[in-house]
Amino acid sequence: MPHDHAHSHAGSHDALAHRHPVEDYAARKHPEFVVLEIGEDVGALIVYADAGMHGVEIEISPDDDHERRSHKQVLERSIDGRPAFTAVFDGLAAGTYALWDRGQARARGVTIPRGQVTELDWRKPAAGTREGAAQRTGARRDGAPPGGV
């Protein structure tokens, strides 16, 4: 039996007009500590970026499967009381990865060892230094990443 859907909406209002603005997650500073899931078969990656990348989503994919991507936003954090713009990937299966910036491959062959933190520095070099993305792997004795995020 067909249902006639014509009925009154008297008294209803436009719910969209009363919505509160949604906070942009990347817009606020992130002073909270970052807890990294690393262990027997997984590691983590921290990408340091310039302020101009604040809010940008960096994608990561296994080097052998670029269709399987996940992403993290570059967020403003603090290192030694100074602003630091980082994307933090944890719980990554040990292996090699590619990183993507706005759909373009920016780094390939990034090694994530098991139980360790790898760091990539995408910040523009200071005047008089060579350009390039440095990769560093390791962990401090207190378990914090080498860069102190």
N, C-alpha and C. Protein backbone atom coordinates (compact mmCIF):
# COMPACT_ATOMS: atom_id res chain seq x y z
N MET A 1 0.85 -1.17 0.00
CA MET A 1 0.00 0.00 0.00
C MET A 1 0.89 1.24 0.00
N PRO A 2 0.72 2.14 -0.97
CA PRO A 2 1.55 3.34 -1.03
C PRO A 2 1.30 4.26 0.15
N HIS A 3 2.35 4.97 0.54
CA HIS A 3 2.26 5.88 1.67
C HIS A 3 2.35 7.29 1.15
N ASP A 4 1.38 8.12 1.51
CA ASP A 4 1.40 9.52 1.13
C ASP A 4 2.27 10.26 2.14
N HIS A 5 3.38 10.81 1.67
CA HIS A 5 4.33 11.46 2.57
C HIS A 5 4.01 12.93 2.78
N ALA A 6 2.96 13.42 2.19
CA ALA A 6 2.62 14.83 2.35
C ALA A 6 2.02 15.05 3.73
N HIS A 7 2.79 15.65 4.62
CA HIS A 7 2.27 16.01 5.93
C HIS A 7 2.95 17.30 6.38
N SER A 8 2.41 17.89 7.40
CA SER A 8 2.86 19.21 7.83
C SER A 8 4.15 19.14 8.63
N HIS A 9 4.98 20.10 8.38
CA HIS A 9 6.19 20.27 9.18
C HIS A 9 6.06 21.54 10.02
N ALA A 10 4.85 21.94 10.31
CA ALA A 10 4.63 23.16 11.09
C ALA A 10 5.33 23.04 12.43
N GLY A 11 5.95 24.12 12.81
CA GLY A 11 6.63 24.13 14.10
C GLY A 11 8.07 23.63 14.01
N SER A 12 8.45 23.00 12.90
CA SER A 12 9.83 22.55 12.77
C SER A 12 10.69 23.74 12.36
N HIS A 13 11.96 23.60 12.51
CA HIS A 13 12.86 24.68 12.13
C HIS A 13 14.08 24.09 11.42
N ASP A 14 14.80 24.93 10.81
CA ASP A 14 15.98 24.50 10.08
C ASP A 14 17.09 24.18 11.08
N ALA A 15 17.38 22.90 11.27
CA ALA A 15 18.38 22.48 12.24
C ALA A 15 19.76 23.01 11.86
N LEU A 16 20.02 23.19 10.58
CA LEU A 16 21.33 23.69 10.17
C LEU A 16 21.58 25.11 10.66
N ALA A 17 20.53 25.90 10.78
CA ALA A 17 20.69 27.28 11.22
C ALA A 17 21.09 27.37 12.68
N HIS A 18 20.90 26.31 13.45
CA HIS A 18 21.20 26.33 14.88
C HIS A 18 22.43 25.50 15.24
N ARG A 19 23.14 25.01 14.27
CA ARG A 19 24.35 24.25 14.57
C ARG A 19 25.44 25.17 15.07
N HIS A 20 26.22 24.67 15.98
CA HIS A 20 27.37 25.42 16.46
C HIS A 20 28.54 25.14 15.54
N PRO A 21 29.41 26.12 15.36
CA PRO A 21 30.55 25.88 14.48
C PRO A 21 31.42 24.75 15.03
N VAL A 22 31.96 23.94 14.12
CA VAL A 22 32.81 22.83 14.51
C VAL A 22 34.25 23.33 14.57
N GLU A 23 34.93 23.02 15.67
CA GLU A 23 36.32 23.44 15.82
C GLU A 23 37.19 22.65 14.85
N ASP A 24 38.06 23.36 14.15
CA ASP A 24 39.03 22.72 13.28
C ASP A 24 40.11 22.14 14.18
N TYR A 25 40.26 20.82 14.15
CA TYR A 25 41.18 20.13 15.04
C TYR A 25 42.60 20.66 14.92
N ALA A 26 43.03 20.97 13.72
CA ALA A 26 44.39 21.44 13.50
C ALA A 26 44.58 22.89 13.94
N ALA A 27 43.50 23.66 14.06
CA ALA A 27 43.62 25.08 14.34
C ALA A 27 44.17 25.35 15.74
N ARG A 28 43.89 24.50 16.69
CA ARG A 28 44.34 24.75 18.06
C ARG A 28 45.73 24.18 18.28
N LYS A 29 46.42 24.71 19.28
CA LYS A 29 47.72 24.16 19.67
C LYS A 29 47.48 22.83 20.38
N HIS A 30 48.44 21.94 20.30
CA HIS A 30 48.32 20.61 20.90
C HIS A 30 49.41 20.42 21.95
N PRO A 31 49.16 20.92 23.17
CA PRO A 31 50.18 20.83 24.22
C PRO A 31 50.27 19.45 24.88
N GLU A 32 49.29 18.60 24.62
CA GLU A 32 49.28 17.28 25.26
C GLU A 32 50.43 16.42 24.75
N PHE A 33 50.89 15.51 25.61
CA PHE A 33 51.96 14.60 25.23
C PHE A 33 51.47 13.64 24.16
N VAL A 34 52.38 13.22 23.32
CA VAL A 34 52.07 12.24 22.29
C VAL A 34 52.51 10.88 22.81
N VAL A 35 51.57 9.95 22.86
CA VAL A 35 51.87 8.58 23.27
C VAL A 35 52.01 7.74 22.01
N LEU A 36 53.18 7.14 21.85
CA LEU A 36 53.46 6.38 20.64
C LEU A 36 53.29 4.89 20.88
N GLU A 37 52.57 4.25 19.95
CA GLU A 37 52.45 2.79 19.99
C GLU A 37 53.62 2.23 19.18
N ILE A 38 54.63 1.74 19.91
CA ILE A 38 55.76 1.08 19.27
C ILE A 38 56.02 -0.20 20.04
N GLY A 39 56.63 -1.15 19.41
CA GLY A 39 56.89 -2.41 20.10
C GLY A 39 57.58 -3.41 19.22
N GLU A 40 57.29 -4.67 19.50
CA GLU A 40 57.98 -5.79 18.87
C GLU A 40 57.98 -5.73 17.34
N ASP A 41 56.84 -5.44 16.74
CA ASP A 41 56.75 -5.44 15.28
C ASP A 41 56.32 -4.10 14.69
N VAL A 42 56.20 -3.08 15.53
CA VAL A 42 55.74 -1.78 15.04
C VAL A 42 56.67 -0.67 15.50
N GLY A 43 56.70 0.38 14.69
CA GLY A 43 57.49 1.56 14.99
C GLY A 43 56.65 2.80 14.77
N ALA A 44 57.29 3.95 14.78
CA ALA A 44 56.59 5.22 14.61
C ALA A 44 57.41 6.15 13.73
N LEU A 45 56.74 7.17 13.23
CA LEU A 45 57.37 8.16 12.37
C LEU A 45 56.91 9.54 12.80
N ILE A 46 57.85 10.46 12.95
CA ILE A 46 57.53 11.86 13.21
C ILE A 46 58.08 12.67 12.04
N VAL A 47 57.22 13.48 11.44
CA VAL A 47 57.61 14.36 10.34
C VAL A 47 57.57 15.79 10.87
N TYR A 48 58.71 16.47 10.82
CA TYR A 48 58.82 17.87 11.21
C TYR A 48 58.62 18.72 9.97
N ALA A 49 57.74 19.72 10.07
CA ALA A 49 57.41 20.55 8.91
C ALA A 49 57.46 22.02 9.29
N ASP A 50 57.43 22.88 8.29
CA ASP A 50 57.36 24.32 8.51
C ASP A 50 55.93 24.72 8.85
N ALA A 51 55.78 25.90 9.44
CA ALA A 51 54.47 26.42 9.82
C ALA A 51 53.52 26.48 8.64
N GLY A 52 54.05 26.66 7.43
CA GLY A 52 53.21 26.73 6.24
C GLY A 52 52.46 25.44 5.94
N MET A 53 52.89 24.34 6.55
CA MET A 53 52.20 23.06 6.36
C MET A 53 51.19 22.77 7.48
N HIS A 54 51.03 23.71 8.42
CA HIS A 54 50.08 23.51 9.51
C HIS A 54 48.69 23.18 8.96
N GLY A 55 48.14 22.05 9.40
CA GLY A 55 46.82 21.61 8.97
C GLY A 55 46.82 20.71 7.75
N VAL A 56 47.93 20.61 7.04
CA VAL A 56 48.02 19.77 5.84
C VAL A 56 48.01 18.30 6.26
N GLU A 57 47.31 17.48 5.51
CA GLU A 57 47.31 16.04 5.76
C GLU A 57 48.43 15.39 4.96
N ILE A 58 49.31 14.71 5.67
CA ILE A 58 50.37 13.94 5.04
C ILE A 58 49.88 12.50 4.98
N GLU A 59 49.99 11.89 3.81
CA GLU A 59 49.59 10.49 3.66
C GLU A 59 50.81 9.59 3.71
N ILE A 60 50.58 8.36 4.15
CA ILE A 60 51.64 7.36 4.20
C ILE A 60 51.10 6.07 3.61
N SER A 61 51.96 5.36 2.89
CA SER A 61 51.55 4.07 2.32
C SER A 61 52.75 3.14 2.35
N PRO A 62 52.50 1.84 2.48
CA PRO A 62 53.62 0.89 2.36
C PRO A 62 54.23 1.04 0.96
N ASP A 63 55.55 0.91 0.86
CA ASP A 63 56.21 1.08 -0.44
C ASP A 63 55.70 0.10 -1.49
N ASP A 64 55.17 -1.04 -1.06
CA ASP A 64 54.69 -2.03 -2.03
C ASP A 64 53.18 -1.94 -2.29
N ASP A 65 52.51 -0.93 -1.73
CA ASP A 65 51.06 -0.80 -1.93
C ASP A 65 50.64 0.66 -1.73
N HIS A 66 50.86 1.48 -2.75
CA HIS A 66 50.57 2.91 -2.64
C HIS A 66 49.08 3.22 -2.60
N GLU A 67 48.25 2.26 -2.89
CA GLU A 67 46.80 2.46 -2.80
C GLU A 67 46.32 2.40 -1.35
N ARG A 68 47.08 1.78 -0.47
CA ARG A 68 46.69 1.62 0.94
C ARG A 68 47.31 2.76 1.76
N ARG A 69 46.64 3.89 1.74
CA ARG A 69 47.16 5.07 2.42
C ARG A 69 46.36 5.41 3.66
N SER A 70 47.06 5.98 4.63
CA SER A 70 46.40 6.59 5.78
C SER A 70 47.02 7.98 5.92
N HIS A 71 46.47 8.80 6.78
CA HIS A 71 46.98 10.17 6.85
C HIS A 71 46.96 10.70 8.29
N LYS A 72 47.76 11.73 8.48
CA LYS A 72 47.81 12.49 9.73
C LYS A 72 47.98 13.95 9.35
N GLN A 73 47.39 14.83 10.16
CA GLN A 73 47.54 16.26 9.93
C GLN A 73 48.81 16.77 10.60
N VAL A 74 49.38 17.79 10.00
CA VAL A 74 50.49 18.50 10.64
C VAL A 74 49.85 19.41 11.69
N LEU A 75 50.23 19.17 12.95
CA LEU A 75 49.65 19.91 14.07
C LEU A 75 50.72 20.75 14.76
N GLU A 76 50.28 21.83 15.38
CA GLU A 76 51.22 22.65 16.15
C GLU A 76 51.36 22.06 17.54
N ARG A 77 52.57 21.71 17.88
CA ARG A 77 52.92 21.20 19.20
C ARG A 77 54.00 22.12 19.77
N SER A 78 54.63 21.72 20.85
CA SER A 78 55.68 22.52 21.45
C SER A 78 56.87 21.63 21.78
N ILE A 79 58.07 22.08 21.41
CA ILE A 79 59.30 21.40 21.77
C ILE A 79 60.19 22.44 22.44
N ASP A 80 60.54 22.18 23.67
CA ASP A 80 61.37 23.11 24.45
C ASP A 80 60.78 24.51 24.47
N GLY A 81 59.45 24.60 24.57
CA GLY A 81 58.78 25.89 24.67
C GLY A 81 58.63 26.64 23.36
N ARG A 82 59.05 26.04 22.26
CA ARG A 82 58.93 26.69 20.95
C ARG A 82 57.94 25.92 20.09
N PRO A 83 57.23 26.62 19.19
CA PRO A 83 56.29 25.93 18.31
C PRO A 83 57.01 24.93 17.41
N ALA A 84 56.38 23.78 17.24
CA ALA A 84 56.89 22.74 16.34
C ALA A 84 55.70 22.19 15.58
N PHE A 85 55.83 22.05 14.29
CA PHE A 85 54.74 21.56 13.44
C PHE A 85 55.10 20.14 13.01
N THR A 86 54.32 19.19 13.49
CA THR A 86 54.65 17.78 13.27
C THR A 86 53.43 16.97 12.88
N ALA A 87 53.70 15.91 12.13
CA ALA A 87 52.70 14.86 11.87
C ALA A 87 53.30 13.61 12.51
N VAL A 88 52.50 12.91 13.31
CA VAL A 88 53.00 11.75 14.06
C VAL A 88 52.22 10.51 13.65
N PHE A 89 52.94 9.53 13.13
CA PHE A 89 52.36 8.25 12.73
C PHE A 89 52.90 7.19 13.69
N ASP A 90 52.02 6.52 14.41
CA ASP A 90 52.50 5.45 15.28
C ASP A 90 51.81 4.15 14.90
N GLY A 91 52.26 3.06 15.51
CA GLY A 91 51.67 1.76 15.21
C GLY A 91 51.91 1.31 13.78
N LEU A 92 53.02 1.74 13.18
CA LEU A 92 53.33 1.35 11.80
C LEU A 92 54.06 0.02 11.79
N ALA A 93 53.60 -0.91 10.99
CA ALA A 93 54.30 -2.18 10.85
C ALA A 93 55.70 -1.89 10.33
N ALA A 94 56.69 -2.59 10.88
CA ALA A 94 58.06 -2.40 10.43
C ALA A 94 58.13 -2.63 8.92
N GLY A 95 58.83 -1.76 8.22
CA GLY A 95 58.95 -1.87 6.77
C GLY A 95 59.35 -0.56 6.15
N THR A 96 59.15 -0.43 4.85
CA THR A 96 59.47 0.81 4.15
C THR A 96 58.19 1.44 3.62
N TYR A 97 58.18 2.75 3.63
CA TYR A 97 56.97 3.51 3.32
C TYR A 97 57.26 4.65 2.37
N ALA A 98 56.19 5.15 1.74
CA ALA A 98 56.22 6.37 0.95
C ALA A 98 55.35 7.39 1.65
N LEU A 99 55.74 8.65 1.55
CA LEU A 99 54.96 9.74 2.12
C LEU A 99 54.48 10.64 1.01
N TRP A 100 53.25 11.12 1.15
CA TRP A 100 52.58 11.88 0.11
C TRP A 100 52.15 13.23 0.67
N ASP A 101 52.43 14.29 -0.08
CA ASP A 101 52.07 15.64 0.30
C ASP A 101 51.15 16.18 -0.79
N ARG A 102 49.89 16.34 -0.44
CA ARG A 102 48.87 16.87 -1.37
C ARG A 102 48.82 16.06 -2.66
N GLY A 103 48.87 14.72 -2.48
CA GLY A 103 48.72 13.80 -3.60
C GLY A 103 50.00 13.47 -4.36
N GLN A 104 51.10 14.14 -4.04
CA GLN A 104 52.37 13.91 -4.72
C GLN A 104 53.34 13.17 -3.80
N ALA A 105 54.03 12.18 -4.32
CA ALA A 105 55.03 11.46 -3.53
C ALA A 105 56.13 12.44 -3.14
N ARG A 106 56.41 12.50 -1.86
CA ARG A 106 57.47 13.41 -1.38
C ARG A 106 58.67 12.63 -0.87
N ALA A 107 58.45 11.44 -0.36
CA ALA A 107 59.56 10.61 0.14
C ALA A 107 59.20 9.16 -0.10
N ARG A 108 60.17 8.40 -0.55
CA ARG A 108 59.99 6.96 -0.75
C ARG A 108 61.13 6.25 -0.05
N GLY A 109 60.89 4.99 0.32
CA GLY A 109 61.94 4.21 0.98
C GLY A 109 62.21 4.63 2.41
N VAL A 110 61.22 5.22 3.08
CA VAL A 110 61.37 5.62 4.48
C VAL A 110 61.28 4.36 5.32
N THR A 111 62.34 4.06 6.04
CA THR A 111 62.41 2.83 6.82
C THR A 111 61.86 3.03 8.22
N ILE A 112 60.94 2.15 8.60
CA ILE A 112 60.39 2.14 9.95
C ILE A 112 60.83 0.83 10.60
N PRO A 113 61.85 0.89 11.48
CA PRO A 113 62.29 -0.32 12.17
C PRO A 113 61.32 -0.67 13.30
N ARG A 114 61.30 -1.92 13.67
CA ARG A 114 60.43 -2.34 14.78
C ARG A 114 60.95 -1.74 16.08
N GLY A 115 60.01 -1.26 16.89
CA GLY A 115 60.32 -0.75 18.22
C GLY A 115 61.08 0.56 18.27
N GLN A 116 61.15 1.29 17.16
CA GLN A 116 61.91 2.54 17.15
C GLN A 116 61.10 3.66 16.51
N VAL A 117 61.59 4.88 16.72
CA VAL A 117 60.98 6.07 16.15
C VAL A 117 61.89 6.60 15.05
N THR A 118 61.32 6.83 13.87
CA THR A 118 62.04 7.44 12.76
C THR A 118 61.57 8.88 12.66
N GLU A 119 62.50 9.78 12.37
CA GLU A 119 62.16 11.19 12.21
C GLU A 119 62.55 11.66 10.82
N LEU A 120 61.66 12.43 10.20
CA LEU A 120 61.95 13.09 8.92
C LEU A 120 61.85 14.58 9.13
N ASP A 121 62.81 15.31 8.62
CA ASP A 121 62.80 16.77 8.76
C ASP A 121 62.50 17.39 7.40
N TRP A 122 61.27 17.89 7.26
CA TRP A 122 60.85 18.53 6.02
C TRP A 122 60.92 20.04 6.11
N ARG A 123 61.50 20.57 7.18
CA ARG A 123 61.59 22.02 7.31
C ARG A 123 62.60 22.55 6.29
N LYS A 124 62.33 23.77 5.85
CA LYS A 124 63.26 24.40 4.92
C LYS A 124 64.57 24.62 5.65
N PRO A 125 65.69 24.37 4.98
CA PRO A 125 66.98 24.54 5.65
C PRO A 125 67.30 26.01 5.90
N ALA A 126 68.09 26.24 6.92
CA ALA A 126 68.54 27.60 7.22
C ALA A 126 69.47 28.05 6.09
N ALA A 127 69.60 29.34 5.93
CA ALA A 127 70.46 29.89 4.88
C ALA A 127 71.86 29.30 4.99
N GLY A 128 72.41 28.90 3.87
CA GLY A 128 73.77 28.39 3.84
C GLY A 128 73.88 26.89 4.11
N THR A 129 72.75 26.19 4.28
CA THR A 129 72.80 24.74 4.50
C THR A 129 72.19 24.04 3.30
N ARG A 130 72.51 22.76 3.15
CA ARG A 130 71.98 21.97 2.05
C ARG A 130 70.52 21.65 2.27
N GLU A 131 69.76 21.60 1.18
CA GLU A 131 68.35 21.23 1.25
C GLU A 131 68.24 19.72 1.20
N GLY A 132 67.23 19.19 1.86
CA GLY A 132 67.00 17.75 1.82
C GLY A 132 66.24 17.31 3.04
N ALA A 133 65.62 16.16 2.95
CA ALA A 133 64.85 15.61 4.06
C ALA A 133 65.71 14.61 4.80
N ALA A 134 66.18 15.01 5.95
CA ALA A 134 67.02 14.12 6.76
C ALA A 134 66.15 13.07 7.43
N GLN A 135 66.67 11.86 7.50
CA GLN A 135 65.97 10.78 8.20
C GLN A 135 66.86 10.31 9.33
N ARG A 136 66.26 10.19 10.52
CA ARG A 136 66.99 9.75 11.69
C ARG A 136 66.12 8.75 12.43
N THR A 137 66.72 7.69 12.94
CA THR A 137 65.99 6.65 13.66
C THR A 137 66.65 6.44 15.00
N GLY A 138 65.81 6.16 15.99
CA GLY A 138 66.35 5.86 17.32
C GLY A 138 65.31 6.12 18.39
N ALA A 139 65.71 5.94 19.62
CA ALA A 139 64.83 6.23 20.75
C ALA A 139 65.70 6.57 21.94
N ARG A 140 65.24 7.50 22.75
CA ARG A 140 65.97 7.83 23.96
C ARG A 140 65.70 6.78 25.02
N ARG A 141 66.53 6.76 26.03
CA ARG A 141 66.36 5.77 27.10
C ARG A 141 65.03 5.91 27.81
N ASP A 142 64.50 7.14 27.89
CA ASP A 142 63.22 7.34 28.57
C ASP A 142 62.05 6.98 27.67
N GLY A 143 62.34 6.50 26.45
CA GLY A 143 61.28 6.06 25.55
C GLY A 143 60.74 7.17 24.67
N ALA A 144 61.12 8.43 24.97
CA ALA A 144 60.62 9.54 24.16
C ALA A 144 61.37 9.55 22.83
N PRO A 145 60.75 10.08 21.79
CA PRO A 145 61.43 10.15 20.50
C PRO A 145 62.63 11.07 20.59
N PRO A 146 63.61 10.90 19.71
CA PRO A 146 64.82 11.70 19.74
C PRO A 146 64.58 13.20 19.68
N GLY A 147 63.57 13.65 18.96
CA GLY A 147 63.32 15.09 18.83
C GLY A 147 62.53 15.67 19.98
N GLY A 148 61.97 14.86 20.83
CA GLY A 148 61.29 15.34 22.03
C GLY A 148 59.85 15.75 21.85
N VAL A 149 59.12 15.24 20.87
CA VAL A 149 57.71 15.59 20.69
C VAL A 149 56.90 15.04 21.83
